């Protein structure tokens, strides 16, 4: 009997021991998995939860009304919604969101601190721009210029300031993909994009025209003056890059065979010195009817100040080449420009310009847009700050950055859009919106 009791006692102790071991394993393994998951979040920037949570502060928030500030749409750049957006956050006693500019402050034309947000009268001003990372403070966002972004910069950035899971990495870009480096080994590194592209997180165009609320149809409006009066010259262009991939130089030379084109810059015979833009623009405004707004690359949405500043703001009709015709129709004022691809040949384009030159009533129709709206400040820094404070922002990343930035159909070299894209059925409407940012949890 005593032997039997001892045996039962040993078996009981063994069962208790097994129970203790199993209990430890069940508790330790999940903790190990959590640690491993956190390690992955820190080492690999593909972030996999729904919301950014600022672990450094307690934020009092209220669920906001749904607004379209994040979701990409081919016909909506979300700029106005983002400009007006003010998150439902009680900022009392909360530290600012800290934004580190990877290439320093000087290249951005801003100062350290929150001055940029105050000067632009941002709805949210509780953000600070930084040039040097603080040793003890959390960085909420880091902005990299696309022309300097590469794997070495990425590694160096990680070595200077560790990346925590809530830190948004933002690629800012105003140059064409052809002017930027290849983004090897940068998949899932960038969270937000801030470029002129319509499928960017924060669409950042060179300029933005907003139609008045009562605008109906361009044909209902008349120019408020004769913009052809006193103009004695046909067309002009300012160009210093003579080796653009889209062959614009040869097109200008061919156009010169049919009409008069005054060619300023390093590629032409006339000069307009840098630093003397005001005088040059005044000459353009007073004397010329047309300006050749030829971009240096034929890429989607790539529409620069050659259209907005050189032409539209100087009362000259722009003849445009560069982005897809659909992109110009989205971004330029209605009825304000002439696209080279509206014509089958350069000679046909020249004939139309001759017609307008001889018919003032038809020419000044290209200025009816001036009665329909105005250019607005897109408040880039304001939008950055407000979106960082949005407690409902989705966690996202660009899974294939190089493919998104320069994939098939983004740039077409010397070709025409109508010829290059005729075999891609959906390109004109939504190609870019199938290759961009990935929302991990929609």
Protein backbone atom coordinates (compact mmCIF):
# COMPACT_ATOMS: atom_id res chain seq x y z
CA UNK A 1 0.00 0.00 0.00
CA UNK A 2 2.84 2.36 0.92
CA UNK A 3 4.65 1.51 -2.32
CA UNK A 4 1.47 2.22 -4.31
CA UNK A 5 1.04 5.61 -2.59
CA UNK A 6 4.65 6.54 -3.40
CA UNK A 7 4.07 5.57 -7.04
CA UNK A 8 0.92 7.71 -7.23
CA UNK A 9 2.81 10.57 -5.56
CA UNK A 10 5.60 10.37 -8.14
CA UNK A 11 3.11 10.28 -11.01
CA UNK A 12 1.32 13.28 -9.55
CA UNK A 13 4.60 15.20 -9.26
CA UNK A 14 5.42 14.24 -12.86
CA UNK A 15 2.04 15.49 -14.07
CA UNK A 16 2.51 18.74 -12.15
CA UNK A 17 5.97 19.14 -13.69
CA UNK A 18 4.62 18.53 -17.19
CA UNK A 19 1.84 21.05 -16.54
CA UNK A 20 4.35 23.67 -15.39
CA UNK A 21 6.57 23.11 -18.45
CA UNK A 22 3.63 23.31 -20.86
CA UNK A 23 2.34 26.44 -19.16
CA UNK A 24 5.75 28.10 -19.51
CA UNK A 25 5.96 27.15 -23.16
CA UNK A 26 2.48 28.47 -23.90
CA UNK A 27 3.37 31.77 -22.30
CA UNK A 28 6.93 32.11 -23.58
CA UNK A 29 6.33 31.22 -27.24
CA UNK A 30 3.74 33.96 -27.87
CA UNK A 31 6.05 36.47 -26.18
CA UNK A 32 8.89 35.31 -28.42
CA UNK A 33 6.65 35.67 -31.47
CA UNK A 34 5.68 39.18 -30.37
CA UNK A 35 9.33 40.09 -29.94
CA UNK A 36 10.15 38.65 -33.34
CA UNK A 37 7.25 40.54 -34.90
CA UNK A 38 8.43 43.76 -33.30
CA UNK A 39 11.93 43.06 -34.55
CA UNK A 40 10.59 42.68 -38.07
CA UNK A 41 8.64 45.89 -37.76
CA UNK A 42 11.77 47.73 -36.75
CA UNK A 43 14.05 46.12 -39.32
CA UNK A 44 11.74 45.96 -42.33
CA UNK A 45 9.58 49.00 -43.08
CA UNK A 46 6.59 47.02 -44.41
CA UNK A 47 4.13 47.99 -41.68
CA UNK A 48 1.26 45.64 -41.06
CA UNK A 49 -1.30 47.09 -38.69
CA UNK A 50 -4.22 49.33 -39.50
CA UNK A 51 -3.40 52.57 -37.73
CA UNK A 52 -0.37 54.55 -36.69
CA UNK A 53 -0.31 54.79 -32.89
CA UNK A 54 1.98 57.33 -31.24
CA UNK A 55 3.40 55.38 -28.30
CA UNK A 56 5.05 58.49 -26.84
CA UNK A 57 1.80 60.28 -25.96
CA UNK A 58 -1.78 59.67 -25.04
CA UNK A 59 -3.97 61.23 -27.69
CA UNK A 60 -7.59 62.07 -26.98
CA UNK A 61 -9.50 61.59 -30.22
CA UNK A 62 -13.03 61.37 -31.52
CA UNK A 63 -13.99 59.26 -34.51
CA UNK A 64 -14.05 61.62 -37.45
CA UNK A 65 -16.55 61.83 -40.25
CA UNK A 66 -15.30 59.97 -43.33
CA UNK A 67 -13.50 62.22 -45.81
CA UNK A 68 -11.65 61.24 -48.97
CA UNK A 69 -8.14 62.26 -47.99
CA UNK A 70 -6.40 58.90 -48.47
CA UNK A 71 -8.15 56.82 -51.12
CA UNK A 72 -6.67 57.19 -54.61
CA UNK A 73 -8.98 58.11 -57.47
CA UNK A 74 -8.09 58.81 -61.13
CA UNK A 75 -10.13 62.04 -61.28
CA UNK A 76 -9.59 63.39 -57.76
CA UNK A 77 -6.24 64.57 -56.42
CA UNK A 78 -7.76 65.01 -52.91
CA UNK A 79 -5.80 68.27 -52.50
CA UNK A 80 -8.77 70.39 -51.43
CA UNK A 81 -10.00 67.75 -48.98
CA UNK A 82 -6.52 67.43 -47.48
CA UNK A 83 -6.07 71.22 -47.24
CA UNK A 84 -9.34 71.57 -45.32
CA UNK A 85 -8.83 68.50 -43.16
CA UNK A 86 -8.41 69.05 -39.43
CA UNK A 87 -8.23 65.84 -37.38
CA UNK A 88 -10.38 65.54 -34.27
CA UNK A 89 -7.49 65.70 -31.86
CA UNK A 90 -7.15 67.61 -28.61
CA UNK A 91 -3.68 69.10 -29.03
CA UNK A 92 -3.54 70.40 -25.46
CA UNK A 93 -0.18 69.48 -23.92
CA UNK A 94 0.72 67.20 -26.84
CA UNK A 95 4.25 67.41 -28.27
CA UNK A 96 4.48 68.33 -31.96
CA UNK A 97 4.85 65.85 -34.78
CA UNK A 98 8.51 65.97 -35.74
CA UNK A 99 9.42 65.86 -39.44
CA UNK A 100 13.05 65.22 -40.35
CA UNK A 101 14.18 66.52 -43.74
CA UNK A 102 16.78 64.08 -44.98
CA UNK A 103 18.72 66.59 -47.10
CA UNK A 104 18.55 69.45 -44.58
CA UNK A 105 16.45 72.62 -44.44
CA UNK A 106 18.28 74.77 -46.99
CA UNK A 107 17.07 72.84 -50.03
CA UNK A 108 13.47 73.23 -48.93
CA UNK A 109 13.41 76.97 -48.25
CA UNK A 110 12.08 76.45 -44.72
CA UNK A 111 13.29 77.07 -41.19
CA UNK A 112 13.63 74.85 -38.16
CA UNK A 113 10.49 74.56 -36.04
CA UNK A 114 6.86 75.27 -36.89
CA UNK A 115 7.27 78.57 -38.77
CA UNK A 116 6.25 77.04 -42.11
CA UNK A 117 2.95 75.85 -40.63
CA UNK A 118 2.23 79.22 -39.03
CA UNK A 119 3.08 81.22 -42.15
CA UNK A 120 0.77 79.10 -44.30
CA UNK A 121 -2.01 79.44 -41.71
CA UNK A 122 -2.35 75.68 -41.49
CA UNK A 123 -5.43 74.27 -39.73
CA UNK A 124 -2.98 72.19 -37.70
CA UNK A 125 0.28 73.86 -36.67
CA UNK A 126 1.50 71.38 -34.08
CA UNK A 127 4.37 70.09 -36.22
CA UNK A 128 8.10 70.86 -36.30
CA UNK A 129 10.54 70.62 -39.20
CA UNK A 130 13.98 69.36 -38.21
CA UNK A 131 17.36 69.28 -39.91
CA UNK A 132 19.22 67.30 -37.27
CA UNK A 133 17.61 64.38 -35.42
CA UNK A 134 17.22 64.97 -31.68
CA UNK A 135 18.81 62.36 -29.47
CA UNK A 136 15.86 61.76 -27.18
CA UNK A 137 12.77 62.67 -29.21
CA UNK A 138 10.69 60.49 -31.49
CA UNK A 139 10.72 61.34 -35.21
CA UNK A 140 7.24 60.98 -36.72
CA UNK A 141 8.15 61.39 -40.40
CA UNK A 142 11.17 61.61 -42.66
CA UNK A 143 11.10 63.18 -46.11
CA UNK A 144 13.51 62.19 -48.89
CA UNK A 145 13.88 63.90 -52.27
CA UNK A 146 13.46 61.46 -55.11
CA UNK A 147 16.59 62.54 -56.99
CA UNK A 148 18.79 61.66 -54.00
CA UNK A 149 16.96 58.62 -52.68
CA UNK A 150 18.92 55.37 -52.95
CA UNK A 151 19.86 52.29 -50.96
CA UNK A 152 22.92 53.95 -49.41
CA UNK A 153 20.85 56.88 -48.15
CA UNK A 154 18.33 54.41 -46.75
CA UNK A 155 21.01 52.51 -44.81
CA UNK A 156 22.61 55.73 -43.61
CA UNK A 157 19.25 57.07 -42.46
CA UNK A 158 18.68 53.94 -40.39
CA UNK A 159 22.10 54.25 -38.79
CA UNK A 160 21.55 57.89 -37.79
CA UNK A 161 18.06 57.51 -36.33
CA UNK A 162 16.46 54.11 -35.70
CA UNK A 163 13.13 53.68 -37.45
CA UNK A 164 10.20 52.94 -35.19
CA UNK A 165 7.02 51.34 -36.56
CA UNK A 166 4.99 54.57 -36.46
CA UNK A 167 7.48 56.62 -38.48
CA UNK A 168 6.26 57.56 -41.96
CA UNK A 169 8.91 57.67 -44.68
CA UNK A 170 7.90 60.03 -47.48
CA UNK A 171 9.35 60.33 -50.99
CA UNK A 172 9.04 63.87 -52.36
CA UNK A 173 9.52 64.38 -56.08
CA UNK A 174 9.03 67.03 -58.77
CA UNK A 175 11.40 65.62 -61.41
CA UNK A 176 10.53 63.05 -64.05
CA UNK A 177 11.44 59.39 -63.48
CA UNK A 178 14.10 59.78 -66.16
CA UNK A 179 15.96 62.30 -63.98
CA UNK A 180 15.91 60.15 -60.84
CA UNK A 181 18.01 57.12 -59.84
CA UNK A 182 16.90 53.50 -59.91
CA UNK A 183 15.32 52.45 -56.62
CA UNK A 184 16.94 49.07 -56.12
CA UNK A 185 16.20 47.30 -52.82
CA UNK A 186 13.75 49.96 -51.68
CA UNK A 187 10.57 47.89 -51.85
CA UNK A 188 8.25 48.51 -48.89
CA UNK A 189 10.58 51.23 -47.58
CA UNK A 190 8.51 54.28 -48.55
CA UNK A 191 5.12 54.72 -46.87
CA UNK A 192 3.84 57.92 -48.48
CA UNK A 193 4.63 59.54 -51.80
CA UNK A 194 4.47 63.30 -52.37
CA UNK A 195 4.89 63.92 -56.10
CA UNK A 196 3.05 65.52 -59.02
CA UNK A 197 1.59 62.12 -59.85
CA UNK A 198 -2.16 61.71 -59.29
CA UNK A 199 -1.58 58.36 -57.60
CA UNK A 200 0.62 59.90 -54.92
CA UNK A 201 -0.43 59.90 -51.28
CA UNK A 202 -0.01 63.68 -51.23
CA UNK A 203 -0.40 65.01 -54.78
CA UNK A 204 2.10 67.85 -55.15
CA UNK A 205 1.64 69.60 -58.50
CA UNK A 206 3.66 72.57 -59.69
CA UNK A 207 0.42 74.56 -59.57
CA UNK A 208 -3.30 73.95 -59.20
CA UNK A 209 -6.25 75.64 -60.87
CA UNK A 210 -9.58 75.56 -59.04
CA UNK A 211 -12.79 76.35 -60.89
CA UNK A 212 -15.29 78.63 -59.21
CA UNK A 213 -18.26 76.89 -57.62
CA UNK A 214 -20.67 78.37 -60.18
CA UNK A 215 -18.62 77.26 -63.19
CA UNK A 216 -20.69 75.37 -65.75
CA UNK A 217 -19.30 75.35 -69.29
CA UNK A 218 -16.33 77.18 -70.79
CA UNK A 219 -18.44 78.26 -73.79
CA UNK A 220 -20.61 80.36 -71.46
CA UNK A 221 -17.72 82.75 -70.78
CA UNK A 222 -16.03 85.53 -72.72
CA UNK A 223 -12.53 87.00 -72.29
CA UNK A 224 -12.53 90.30 -70.43
CA UNK A 225 -10.06 91.88 -72.88
CA UNK A 226 -8.38 91.38 -76.24
CA UNK A 227 -5.29 89.37 -75.35
CA UNK A 228 -4.07 89.52 -78.95
CA UNK A 229 -3.74 93.30 -78.97
CA UNK A 230 -0.16 94.63 -79.24
CA UNK A 231 1.30 91.14 -79.70
CA UNK A 232 3.46 91.15 -82.80
CA UNK A 233 5.39 87.88 -82.53
CA UNK A 234 4.25 84.33 -83.08
CA UNK A 235 5.89 81.87 -80.66
CA UNK A 236 8.76 81.49 -78.21
CA UNK A 237 10.42 78.81 -76.15
CA UNK A 238 13.00 78.82 -73.34
CA UNK A 239 15.13 75.67 -73.40
CA UNK A 240 18.50 74.80 -71.90
CA UNK A 241 18.39 70.98 -71.93
CA UNK A 242 19.17 70.11 -75.53
CA UNK A 243 19.18 66.33 -75.04
CA UNK A 244 15.70 65.61 -73.72
CA UNK A 245 14.52 62.04 -74.22
CA UNK A 246 11.31 63.07 -75.99
CA UNK A 247 13.09 64.69 -78.94
CA UNK A 248 11.53 68.10 -78.30
CA UNK A 249 14.47 69.94 -79.89
CA UNK A 250 13.84 68.37 -83.29
CA UNK A 251 10.14 69.17 -83.03
CA UNK A 252 10.94 72.83 -82.35
CA UNK A 253 13.28 72.91 -85.35
CA UNK A 254 10.63 71.32 -87.57
CA UNK A 255 8.05 73.82 -86.37
CA UNK A 256 10.44 76.64 -87.27
CA UNK A 257 10.17 75.54 -90.90
CA UNK A 258 6.54 76.64 -90.94
CA UNK A 259 6.19 79.47 -88.40
CA UNK A 260 8.40 81.93 -86.56
CA UNK A 261 9.66 80.54 -83.24
CA UNK A 262 12.08 82.61 -81.17
CA UNK A 263 14.40 80.16 -79.45
CA UNK A 264 15.84 81.33 -76.10
CA UNK A 265 18.37 79.48 -73.97
CA UNK A 266 21.38 77.23 -74.47
CA UNK A 267 19.66 75.32 -77.27
CA UNK A 268 18.70 78.41 -79.26
CA UNK A 269 20.17 81.62 -80.61
CA UNK A 270 18.57 84.11 -78.21
CA UNK A 271 19.41 84.69 -74.56
CA UNK A 272 17.32 85.18 -71.46
CA UNK A 273 19.68 85.17 -68.53
CA UNK A 274 18.88 83.26 -65.37
CA UNK A 275 18.08 85.67 -62.58
CA UNK A 276 16.40 88.01 -65.03
CA UNK A 277 13.17 86.02 -65.32
CA UNK A 278 10.91 88.98 -64.58
CA UNK A 279 12.11 90.91 -67.63
CA UNK A 280 11.96 87.80 -69.82
CA UNK A 281 8.43 86.97 -68.72
CA UNK A 282 7.28 90.54 -69.32
CA UNK A 283 8.67 90.34 -72.86
CA UNK A 284 6.85 87.05 -73.35
CA UNK A 285 3.61 88.54 -72.07
CA UNK A 286 3.78 91.69 -74.17
CA UNK A 287 5.02 90.36 -77.49
CA UNK A 288 4.19 86.68 -78.05
CA UNK A 289 0.97 84.83 -78.79
CA UNK A 290 2.18 81.28 -78.14
CA UNK A 291 4.66 79.61 -75.83
CA UNK A 292 5.98 76.10 -76.51
CA UNK A 293 5.56 74.40 -73.13
CA UNK A 294 7.57 71.34 -74.11
CA UNK A 295 8.59 69.20 -71.13
CA UNK A 296 11.92 67.36 -71.11
CA UNK A 297 10.20 63.96 -70.81
CA UNK A 298 6.94 62.39 -71.91
CA UNK A 299 5.75 60.96 -68.59
CA UNK A 300 2.35 60.61 -66.93
CA UNK A 301 1.24 63.71 -64.99
CA UNK A 302 4.61 65.39 -65.56
CA UNK A 303 3.41 68.98 -66.11
CA UNK A 304 5.76 71.65 -64.80
CA UNK A 305 6.00 75.42 -64.51
CA UNK A 306 6.59 75.53 -68.27
CA UNK A 307 2.81 75.45 -68.48
CA UNK A 308 1.72 77.21 -65.32
CA UNK A 309 4.36 79.89 -64.79
CA UNK A 310 5.89 80.52 -68.21
CA UNK A 311 2.64 80.49 -70.18
CA UNK A 312 -0.65 80.66 -68.29
CA UNK A 313 0.44 83.28 -65.78
CA UNK A 314 1.91 85.40 -68.58
CA UNK A 315 -1.14 85.58 -70.84
CA UNK A 316 0.35 83.38 -73.56
CA UNK A 317 -1.38 80.38 -75.11
CA UNK A 318 0.70 77.28 -74.31
CA UNK A 319 1.38 74.63 -76.92
CA UNK A 320 2.06 71.62 -74.72
CA UNK A 321 3.99 68.38 -75.06
CA UNK A 322 5.00 65.95 -72.33
CA UNK A 323 2.26 64.33 -70.28
CA UNK A 324 -0.64 62.32 -71.66
CA UNK A 325 -3.47 64.50 -73.06
CA UNK A 326 -5.77 63.14 -70.33
CA UNK A 327 -3.37 64.48 -67.70
CA UNK A 328 -3.50 67.98 -69.14
CA UNK A 329 -7.29 67.89 -69.24
CA UNK A 330 -7.32 67.06 -65.52
CA UNK A 331 -4.73 69.59 -64.41
CA UNK A 332 -4.85 72.61 -66.74
CA UNK A 333 -7.66 75.19 -66.85
CA UNK A 334 -10.36 74.23 -69.38
CA UNK A 335 -9.76 75.46 -72.91
CA UNK A 336 -6.42 77.04 -72.03
CA UNK A 337 -3.88 75.08 -74.10
CA UNK A 338 -3.12 73.29 -77.37
CA UNK A 339 -1.66 69.77 -77.22
CA UNK A 340 0.69 68.69 -80.02
CA UNK A 341 -1.07 65.31 -80.18
CA UNK A 342 -4.29 67.00 -81.24
CA UNK A 343 -2.64 67.08 -84.67
CA UNK A 344 -1.34 64.37 -86.97
CA UNK A 345 1.83 66.24 -87.87
CA UNK A 346 3.93 69.25 -86.95
CA UNK A 347 2.86 70.97 -90.16
CA UNK A 348 -0.80 70.51 -89.26
CA UNK A 349 -0.10 72.06 -85.85
CA UNK A 350 1.68 74.98 -87.53
CA UNK A 351 -1.28 75.57 -89.83
CA UNK A 352 -3.62 75.80 -86.85
CA UNK A 353 -1.34 78.28 -85.08
CA UNK A 354 -1.29 80.38 -88.26
CA UNK A 355 -5.08 80.33 -88.30
CA UNK A 356 -5.27 81.56 -84.70
CA UNK A 357 -2.64 84.20 -85.40
CA UNK A 358 -4.85 85.64 -88.15
CA UNK A 359 -8.15 85.37 -86.22
CA UNK A 360 -8.15 87.28 -82.95
CA UNK A 361 -11.67 86.18 -82.01
CA UNK A 362 -10.63 82.54 -82.14
CA UNK A 363 -7.30 83.21 -80.44
CA UNK A 364 -8.76 84.97 -77.41
CA UNK A 365 -11.12 82.06 -76.75
CA UNK A 366 -8.09 80.40 -75.16
CA UNK A 367 -8.34 82.99 -72.36
CA UNK A 368 -11.95 82.35 -71.36
CA UNK A 369 -10.65 80.18 -68.52
CA UNK A 370 -9.54 83.33 -66.69
CA UNK A 371 -13.21 83.99 -65.84
CA UNK A 372 -13.83 80.46 -64.55
CA UNK A 373 -11.46 80.03 -61.61
CA UNK A 374 -8.07 80.81 -60.10
CA UNK A 375 -4.79 79.24 -59.04
CA UNK A 376 -4.60 78.21 -55.40
CA UNK A 377 -1.96 77.42 -52.80
CA UNK A 378 -1.87 73.64 -52.33
CA UNK A 379 -0.35 74.07 -48.84
CA UNK A 380 2.03 71.13 -48.96
CA UNK A 381 3.36 71.50 -45.40
CA UNK A 382 -0.13 71.93 -44.00
CA UNK A 383 -1.28 68.69 -45.55
CA UNK A 384 1.76 66.81 -44.27
CA UNK A 385 1.07 67.99 -40.73
CA UNK A 386 -2.68 67.30 -40.75
CA UNK A 387 -2.26 63.81 -42.17
CA UNK A 388 0.37 62.91 -39.60
CA UNK A 389 -2.15 63.77 -36.89
CA UNK A 390 -4.97 61.73 -38.44
CA UNK A 391 -5.64 58.96 -35.93
CA UNK A 392 -7.47 56.98 -38.63
CA UNK A 393 -4.75 57.04 -41.25
CA UNK A 394 -4.20 53.65 -42.87
CA UNK A 395 -0.84 52.00 -42.66
CA UNK A 396 0.55 51.74 -46.15
CA UNK A 397 3.70 51.17 -48.15
CA UNK A 398 4.87 51.11 -51.76
CA UNK A 399 5.63 47.42 -52.40
CA UNK A 400 7.58 47.99 -55.64
CA UNK A 401 8.86 51.55 -55.65
CA UNK A 402 10.84 51.37 -58.88
CA UNK A 403 7.94 49.78 -60.74
CA UNK A 404 5.52 52.38 -59.44
CA UNK A 405 7.79 55.29 -60.35
CA UNK A 406 8.99 54.18 -63.80
CA UNK A 407 7.00 51.08 -64.76
CA UNK A 408 5.54 50.30 -68.17
CA UNK A 409 3.43 53.13 -69.53
CA UNK A 410 4.73 55.80 -67.15
CA UNK A 411 7.18 57.34 -69.66
CA UNK A 412 7.28 56.73 -73.42
CA UNK A 413 10.50 58.34 -74.67
CA UNK A 414 10.11 59.88 -78.14
CA UNK A 415 6.77 58.30 -78.97
CA UNK A 416 3.27 59.72 -79.14
CA UNK A 417 0.84 58.71 -76.42
CA UNK A 418 -1.85 57.69 -78.90
CA UNK A 419 0.57 55.35 -80.70
CA UNK A 420 2.40 53.95 -77.68
CA UNK A 421 -0.72 53.24 -75.67
CA UNK A 422 -3.19 52.01 -78.26
CA UNK A 423 -2.65 48.38 -77.17
CA UNK A 424 -3.10 49.08 -73.48
CA UNK A 425 -6.86 49.33 -73.05
CA UNK A 426 -7.05 50.76 -69.55
CA UNK A 427 -4.02 53.03 -69.49
CA UNK A 428 -5.85 56.28 -70.21
CA UNK A 429 -8.15 55.83 -67.24
CA UNK A 430 -6.46 54.01 -64.42
CA UNK A 431 -3.13 52.34 -65.20
CA UNK A 432 -1.23 54.25 -62.54
CA UNK A 433 -3.79 53.39 -59.91
CA UNK A 434 -3.08 49.66 -60.23
CA UNK A 435 0.66 49.88 -59.51
CA UNK A 436 0.98 52.31 -56.67
CA UNK A 437 0.62 52.38 -52.92
CA UNK A 438 -0.50 49.26 -51.12
CA UNK A 439 -2.93 49.63 -48.25
CA UNK A 440 -2.13 46.81 -45.86
CA UNK A 441 -5.51 47.01 -44.18
CA UNK A 442 -8.17 48.81 -46.18
